[in-house]
C-alpha atoms as a PDB file:
ATOM      1  CA  MET A   1     120.192 -30.267 124.795  1.00  0.00           C
ATOM      2  CA  ALA A   2     121.965 -32.388 127.387  1.00  0.00           C
ATOM      3  CA  PRO A   3     121.159 -31.534 131.000  1.00  0.00           C
ATOM      4  CA  VAL A   4     123.860 -29.817 133.023  1.00  0.00           C
ATOM      5  CA  ARG A   5     124.887 -32.409 135.597  1.00  0.00           C
ATOM      6  CA  ASP A   6     128.369 -31.356 136.635  1.00  0.00           C
ATOM      7  CA  ARG A   7     127.846 -28.063 138.439  1.00  0.00           C
ATOM      8  CA  GLU A   8     127.505 -28.760 142.129  1.00  0.00           C
ATOM      9  CA  ALA A   9     125.985 -26.265 144.537  1.00  0.00           C
ATOM     10  CA  GLN A  10     128.699 -24.243 146.219  1.00  0.00           C
ATOM     11  CA  PRO A  11     128.812 -23.971 150.026  1.00  0.00           C
ATOM     12  CA  GLY A  12     126.397 -21.260 151.176  1.00  0.00           C
ATOM     13  CA  GLU A  13     125.120 -20.694 147.645  1.00  0.00           C
ATOM     14  CA  SER A  14     121.370 -20.151 147.389  1.00  0.00           C
ATOM     15  CA  LEU A  15     119.312 -22.464 145.238  1.00  0.00           C
ATOM     16  CA  ARG A  16     118.320 -19.495 143.083  1.00  0.00           C
ATOM     17  CA  THR A  17     121.952 -18.554 142.434  1.00  0.00           C
ATOM     18  CA  HIS A  18     122.802 -22.174 141.684  1.00  0.00           C
ATOM     19  CA  LEU A  19     119.920 -22.584 139.221  1.00  0.00           C
ATOM     20  CA  ARG A  20     120.721 -19.342 137.432  1.00  0.00           C
ATOM     21  CA  ALA A  21     124.384 -20.273 137.010  1.00  0.00           C
ATOM     22  CA  ALA A  22     123.702 -23.868 136.010  1.00  0.00           C
ATOM     23  CA  THR A  23     121.085 -22.989 133.382  1.00  0.00           C
ATOM     24  CA  MET A  24     122.462 -19.699 132.048  1.00  0.00           C
ATOM     25  CA  ALA A  25     123.447 -21.096 128.646  1.00  0.00           C
ATOM     26  CA  ALA A  26     120.083 -22.834 128.162  1.00  0.00           C
ATOM     27  CA  HIS A  27     118.221 -19.713 129.239  1.00  0.00           C
ATOM     28  CA  ASP A  28     120.126 -17.514 126.764  1.00  0.00           C
ATOM     29  CA  LEU A  29     119.575 -20.030 123.975  1.00  0.00           C
ATOM     30  CA  LEU A  30     115.849 -20.089 124.673  1.00  0.00           C
ATOM     31  CA  ASP A  31     115.586 -16.292 124.714  1.00  0.00           C
ATOM     32  CA  HIS A  32     117.176 -16.123 121.264  1.00  0.00           C
ATOM     33  CA  ALA A  33     115.059 -18.991 119.930  1.00  0.00           C
ATOM     34  CA  MET A  34     111.828 -17.391 121.178  1.00  0.00           C
ATOM     35  CA  GLN A  35     112.663 -14.098 119.520  1.00  0.00           C
ATOM     36  CA  ALA A  36     113.563 -15.856 116.273  1.00  0.00           C
ATOM     37  CA  ALA A  37     110.491 -18.108 116.312  1.00  0.00           C
ATOM     38  CA  SER A  38     107.936 -15.462 117.151  1.00  0.00           C
ATOM     39  CA  GLY A  39     108.832 -12.061 118.516  1.00  0.00           C
ATOM     40  CA  TRP A  40     106.161  -9.418 118.880  1.00  0.00           C
ATOM     41  CA  GLN A  41     106.848  -6.773 116.236  1.00  0.00           C
ATOM     42  CA  THR A  42     103.519  -7.260 114.434  1.00  0.00           C
ATOM     43  CA  ARG A  43     100.104  -8.529 115.453  1.00  0.00           C
ATOM     44  CA  ALA A  44     100.841 -11.829 113.680  1.00  0.00           C
ATOM     45  CA  ASP A  45     104.205 -12.097 115.464  1.00  0.00           C
ATOM     46  CA  TYR A  46     102.534 -11.553 118.803  1.00  0.00           C
ATOM     47  CA  ALA A  47      99.856 -14.182 118.076  1.00  0.00           C
ATOM     48  CA  ARG A  48     102.609 -16.619 117.111  1.00  0.00           C
ATOM     49  CA  PHE A  49     104.438 -15.878 120.366  1.00  0.00           C
ATOM     50  CA  LEU A  50     101.268 -16.526 122.373  1.00  0.00           C
ATOM     51  CA  ALA A  51     100.544 -19.717 120.420  1.00  0.00           C
ATOM     52  CA  LEU A  52     104.055 -20.977 121.150  1.00  0.00           C
ATOM     53  CA  GLN A  53     103.633 -20.194 124.846  1.00  0.00           C
ATOM     54  CA  TYR A  54     100.269 -21.956 124.950  1.00  0.00           C
ATOM     55  CA  ALA A  55     101.485 -25.097 123.185  1.00  0.00           C
ATOM     56  CA  ALA A  56     104.576 -25.393 125.387  1.00  0.00           C
ATOM     57  CA  ARG A  57     102.921 -24.564 128.704  1.00  0.00           C
ATOM     58  CA  LEU A  58      99.922 -26.889 128.412  1.00  0.00           C
ATOM     59  CA  PRO A  59     101.902 -30.118 128.976  1.00  0.00           C
ATOM     60  CA  LEU A  60     104.050 -28.435 131.648  1.00  0.00           C
ATOM     61  CA  GLU A  61     100.968 -27.378 133.583  1.00  0.00           C
ATOM     62  CA  ALA A  62      99.591 -30.922 133.280  1.00  0.00           C
ATOM     63  CA  TRP A  63     102.887 -32.409 134.520  1.00  0.00           C
ATOM     64  CA  LEU A  64     102.992 -30.083 137.527  1.00  0.00           C
ATOM     65  CA  GLY A  65      99.350 -30.844 138.308  1.00  0.00           C
ATOM     66  CA  ALA A  66     100.169 -34.547 138.372  1.00  0.00           C
ATOM     67  CA  HIS A  67     103.567 -34.483 140.115  1.00  0.00           C
ATOM     68  CA  ALA A  68     104.017 -31.312 142.172  1.00  0.00           C
ATOM     69  CA  PRO A  69     102.868 -30.566 145.719  1.00  0.00           C
ATOM     70  CA  PRO A  70     100.241 -27.806 145.850  1.00  0.00           C
ATOM     71  CA  ASP A  71     102.730 -25.106 146.892  1.00  0.00           C
ATOM     72  CA  LEU A  72     104.789 -25.776 143.744  1.00  0.00           C
ATOM     73  CA  VAL A  73     101.923 -25.627 141.252  1.00  0.00           C
ATOM     74  CA  PRO A  74     101.988 -22.174 139.624  1.00  0.00           C
ATOM     75  CA  PRO A  75      98.681 -20.571 138.655  1.00  0.00           C
ATOM     76  CA  PRO A  76      97.680 -21.902 135.214  1.00  0.00           C
ATOM     77  CA  GLN A  77      98.406 -19.442 132.454  1.00  0.00           C
ATOM     78  CA  THR A  78      97.074 -21.320 129.430  1.00  0.00           C
ATOM     79  CA  PRO A  79      93.511 -20.019 130.019  1.00  0.00           C
ATOM     80  CA  LEU A  80      94.879 -16.458 129.932  1.00  0.00           C
ATOM     81  CA  ILE A  81      96.818 -17.184 126.755  1.00  0.00           C
ATOM     82  CA  ALA A  82      93.715 -18.711 125.140  1.00  0.00           C
ATOM     83  CA  ARG A  83      91.773 -15.552 125.996  1.00  0.00           C
ATOM     84  CA  ASP A  84      94.487 -13.340 124.492  1.00  0.00           C
ATOM     85  CA  LEU A  85      94.568 -15.457 121.329  1.00  0.00           C
ATOM     86  CA  ALA A  86      90.782 -15.252 120.998  1.00  0.00           C
ATOM     87  CA  GLN A  87      90.931 -11.466 121.261  1.00  0.00           C
ATOM     88  CA  LEU A  88      93.490 -11.501 118.434  1.00  0.00           C
ATOM     89  CA  ASP A  89      91.172 -13.742 116.362  1.00  0.00           C
ATOM     90  CA  ALA A  90      93.865 -16.425 116.411  1.00  0.00           C
ATOM     91  CA  ALA A  91      93.285 -20.130 116.884  1.00  0.00           C
ATOM     92  CA  THR A  92      94.348 -21.946 120.029  1.00  0.00           C
ATOM     93  CA  PRO A  93      97.059 -24.433 118.986  1.00  0.00           C
ATOM     94  CA  ALA A  94      97.409 -28.064 119.927  1.00  0.00           C
ATOM     95  CA  ALA A  95      99.625 -28.884 122.877  1.00  0.00           C
ATOM     96  CA  ALA A  96     103.296 -29.537 122.287  1.00  0.00           C
ATOM     97  CA  PRO A  97     104.417 -33.145 122.783  1.00  0.00           C
ATOM     98  CA  LEU A  98     104.064 -34.515 126.286  1.00  0.00           C
ATOM     99  CA  PHE A  99     106.600 -33.142 128.759  1.00  0.00           C
ATOM    100  CA  THR A 100     108.390 -35.715 130.834  1.00  0.00           C
ATOM    101  CA  ILE A 101     111.648 -36.069 132.656  1.00  0.00           C
ATOM    102  CA  GLY A 102     111.089 -39.683 133.539  1.00  0.00           C
ATOM    103  CA  ARG A 103     110.155 -40.643 137.047  1.00  0.00           C
ATOM    104  CA  ALA A 104     109.550 -37.513 139.120  1.00  0.00           C
ATOM    105  CA  GLY A 105     112.288 -37.090 141.710  1.00  0.00           C
ATOM    106  CA  THR A 106     113.688 -34.715 144.309  1.00  0.00           C
ATOM    107  CA  GLY A 107     113.748 -31.144 143.062  1.00  0.00           C
ATOM    108  CA  HIS A 108     111.996 -31.830 139.751  1.00  0.00           C
ATOM    109  CA  ALA A 109     108.777 -29.994 140.617  1.00  0.00           C
ATOM    110  CA  LEU A 110     110.770 -27.107 142.051  1.00  0.00           C
ATOM    111  CA  GLY A 111     112.942 -26.746 138.943  1.00  0.00           C
ATOM    112  CA  THR A 112     109.931 -26.883 136.647  1.00  0.00           C
ATOM    113  CA  ALA A 113     108.000 -24.321 138.693  1.00  0.00           C
ATOM    114  CA  TRP A 114     111.098 -22.090 138.870  1.00  0.00           C
ATOM    115  CA  VAL A 115     111.330 -21.820 135.082  1.00  0.00           C
ATOM    116  CA  LEU A 116     107.635 -21.057 134.609  1.00  0.00           C
ATOM    117  CA  ALA A 117     107.423 -18.596 137.485  1.00  0.00           C
ATOM    118  CA  GLY A 118     110.719 -16.910 136.615  1.00  0.00           C
ATOM    119  CA  SER A 119     109.478 -16.249 133.091  1.00  0.00           C
ATOM    120  CA  ALA A 120     106.978 -13.809 134.614  1.00  0.00           C
ATOM    121  CA  LEU A 121     109.879 -11.410 135.154  1.00  0.00           C
ATOM    122  CA  GLY A 122     110.710 -11.411 131.461  1.00  0.00           C
ATOM    123  CA  ASN A 123     107.035 -11.129 130.621  1.00  0.00           C
ATOM    124  CA  ARG A 124     106.863  -7.819 132.461  1.00  0.00           C
ATOM    125  CA  ALA A 125     109.514  -6.374 130.135  1.00  0.00           C
ATOM    126  CA  ILE A 126     107.770  -7.833 127.083  1.00  0.00           C
ATOM    127  CA  THR A 127     104.457  -6.299 128.238  1.00  0.00           C
ATOM    128  CA  LYS A 128     105.886  -2.797 127.948  1.00  0.00           C
ATOM    129  CA  GLN A 129     107.113  -3.479 124.412  1.00  0.00           C
ATOM    130  CA  VAL A 130     103.837  -5.098 123.363  1.00  0.00           C
ATOM    131  CA  ARG A 131     101.808  -2.170 124.680  1.00  0.00           C
ATOM    132  CA  ARG A 132     104.054   0.269 122.837  1.00  0.00           C
ATOM    133  CA  ILE A 133     104.163  -1.632 119.530  1.00  0.00           C
ATOM    134  CA  GLY A 134     100.477  -2.553 119.597  1.00  0.00           C
ATOM    135  CA  GLY A 135      99.396   0.914 120.651  1.00  0.00           C
ATOM    136  CA  GLY A 136      97.714  -0.575 123.722  1.00  0.00           C
ATOM    137  CA  ALA A 137      95.287  -2.574 121.553  1.00  0.00           C
ATOM    138  CA  TRP A 138      96.821  -6.029 121.945  1.00  0.00           C
ATOM    139  CA  PRO A 139      95.619  -8.152 124.893  1.00  0.00           C
ATOM    140  CA  VAL A 140      98.161  -8.833 127.663  1.00  0.00           C
ATOM    141  CA  ALA A 141      96.291 -10.987 130.201  1.00  0.00           C
ATOM    142  CA  PHE A 142      99.062 -13.603 130.042  1.00  0.00           C
ATOM    143  CA  LEU A 143     102.029 -11.237 130.083  1.00  0.00           C
ATOM    144  CA  ASP A 144     100.605  -9.083 132.872  1.00  0.00           C
ATOM    145  CA  ASP A 145      99.415 -11.937 135.109  1.00  0.00           C
ATOM    146  CA  GLY A 146      99.569 -10.741 138.711  1.00  0.00           C
ATOM    147  CA  ALA A 147      98.863 -14.227 140.095  1.00  0.00           C
ATOM    148  CA  MET A 148     102.059 -15.601 138.560  1.00  0.00           C
ATOM    149  CA  MET A 149     104.078 -12.677 139.926  1.00  0.00           C
ATOM    150  CA  ALA A 150     102.658 -13.388 143.393  1.00  0.00           C
ATOM    151  CA  PHE A 151     103.606 -17.058 143.003  1.00  0.00           C
ATOM    152  CA  TRP A 152     107.117 -16.017 141.938  1.00  0.00           C
ATOM    153  CA  GLN A 153     107.527 -13.832 145.035  1.00  0.00           C
ATOM    154  CA  ALA A 154     106.494 -16.737 147.280  1.00  0.00           C
ATOM    155  CA  LEU A 155     108.836 -19.109 145.438  1.00  0.00           C
ATOM    156  CA  ARG A 156     111.723 -16.670 145.816  1.00  0.00           C
ATOM    157  CA  THR A 157     111.573 -17.033 149.578  1.00  0.00           C
ATOM    158  CA  ARG A 158     112.073 -20.755 149.176  1.00  0.00           C
ATOM    159  CA  ILE A 159     114.859 -20.678 146.588  1.00  0.00           C
ATOM    160  CA  GLU A 160     116.920 -17.992 148.286  1.00  0.00           C
ATOM    161  CA  ARG A 161     117.849 -20.466 151.026  1.00  0.00           C
ATOM    162  CA  PRO A 162     121.146 -22.362 150.814  1.00  0.00           C
ATOM    163  CA  ALA A 163     120.911 -25.113 148.224  1.00  0.00           C
ATOM    164  CA  VAL A 164     120.603 -28.722 149.366  1.00  0.00           C
ATOM    165  CA  PRO A 165     122.766 -30.738 146.916  1.00  0.00           C
ATOM    166  CA  ALA A 166     120.193 -33.403 145.976  1.00  0.00           C
ATOM    167  CA  GLU A 167     117.431 -30.828 145.539  1.00  0.00           C
ATOM    168  CA  ALA A 168     119.737 -28.529 143.540  1.00  0.00           C
ATOM    169  CA  GLN A 169     120.743 -31.361 141.213  1.00  0.00           C
ATOM    170  CA  GLY A 170     117.156 -32.448 140.611  1.00  0.00           C
ATOM    171  CA  ALA A 171     115.919 -28.888 140.142  1.00  0.00           C
ATOM    172  CA  THR A 172     118.692 -28.198 137.642  1.00  0.00           C
ATOM    173  CA  ARG A 173     117.864 -31.316 135.618  1.00  0.00           C
ATOM    174  CA  ALA A 174     114.193 -30.399 135.545  1.00  0.00           C
ATOM    175  CA  ALA A 175     114.897 -26.769 134.592  1.00  0.00           C
ATOM    176  CA  GLU A 176     117.128 -27.940 131.732  1.00  0.00           C
ATOM    177  CA  ALA A 177     114.351 -30.287 130.582  1.00  0.00           C
ATOM    178  CA  VAL A 178     111.845 -27.414 130.620  1.00  0.00           C
ATOM    179  CA  PHE A 179     114.163 -25.181 128.591  1.00  0.00           C
ATOM    180  CA  ALA A 180     114.652 -28.026 126.087  1.00  0.00           C
ATOM    181  CA  HIS A 181     110.872 -28.509 125.928  1.00  0.00           C
ATOM    182  CA  PHE A 182     110.350 -24.816 125.089  1.00  0.00           C
ATOM    183  CA  LEU A 183     113.142 -24.955 122.492  1.00  0.00           C
ATOM    184  CA  ALA A 184     111.479 -27.923 120.804  1.00  0.00           C
ATOM    185  CA  ALA A 185     108.150 -26.069 120.770  1.00  0.00           C
ATOM    186  CA  ALA A 186     109.845 -22.994 119.269  1.00  0.00           C
ATOM    187  CA  ALA A 187     111.360 -25.127 116.519  1.00  0.00           C
ATOM    188  CA  GLU A 188     107.869 -26.370 115.609  1.00  0.00           C
ATOM    189  CA  THR A 189     106.218 -22.939 115.550  1.00  0.00           C
ATOM    190  CA  HIS A 190     104.451 -21.939 112.367  1.00  0.00           C
ATOM    191  CA  VAL A 191     102.924 -18.628 111.316  1.00  0.00           C
ATOM    192  CA  PRO A 192      99.217 -18.549 112.230  1.00  0.00           C
ATOM    193  CA  GLU A 193      97.061 -18.595 109.132  1.00  0.00           C
ATOM    194  CA  SER A 194      94.521 -15.923 108.203  1.00  0.00           C
ATOM    195  CA  LEU A 195      95.747 -13.454 110.797  1.00  0.00           C
ATOM    196  CA  PRO A 196      96.198  -9.890 109.499  1.00  0.00           C
ATOM    197  CA  ALA A 197      99.500  -8.192 110.199  1.00  0.00           C
END
C-alpha cells in the first residue's frame, strides 16, 4: 500500500481530523482484512485474532521504544495479549517482520502511536461482542485495557490542536506504514493448531 502523500493539512484543521481523512481508505481496508483473517465468532477465531495482534504489535512496540519520546510510547499490550492467549491454551506466535519506515522523522512516532492508541476505541466495541459470543468465558485483558484508553485520552489533547504541516505529513506516512504492517501480518495469519472450537 503506497503512503498517502498528497493530502495537505487544511487551515485550522486538527491533526486528528487530518489523520482520519488521510488514512480513511487504509483504515477501512484493515478493518475488513482483520475480520477476514481472524474475526471472533469462535474460540479458535478469537485466538487467531489475538495471535495476529500480538505478532503485529511486537515490532511496533519495539520501534516506538527505540524511536519515540516517552510521552508517545503507548503502554505495551503484547504482555496482555500473551496472557489472553495462554488462558485460551493458544501458543504465543513469533513476531511479524521488523517494522520500519526508514529513518525516524518528524511526526513518525506520533502517527505510529495514534494508530495503536486509536485501536483501543475499536477494541471496546469488540469486547462487547467477545463477551457475548464467548459467554463471558474468553479473556479480554487486551481488549479491555484501561491503560491504553488513558493513553488515548492524553493523546487526543495533543492531536486535536491545529495540524502543523510537517508533523501532519510525517504522522500520515507513519500511520499508513502501520496500517500496511498490520495488513501484511493479517495476510500471514494461520489458524492456530490444536485449539478446540
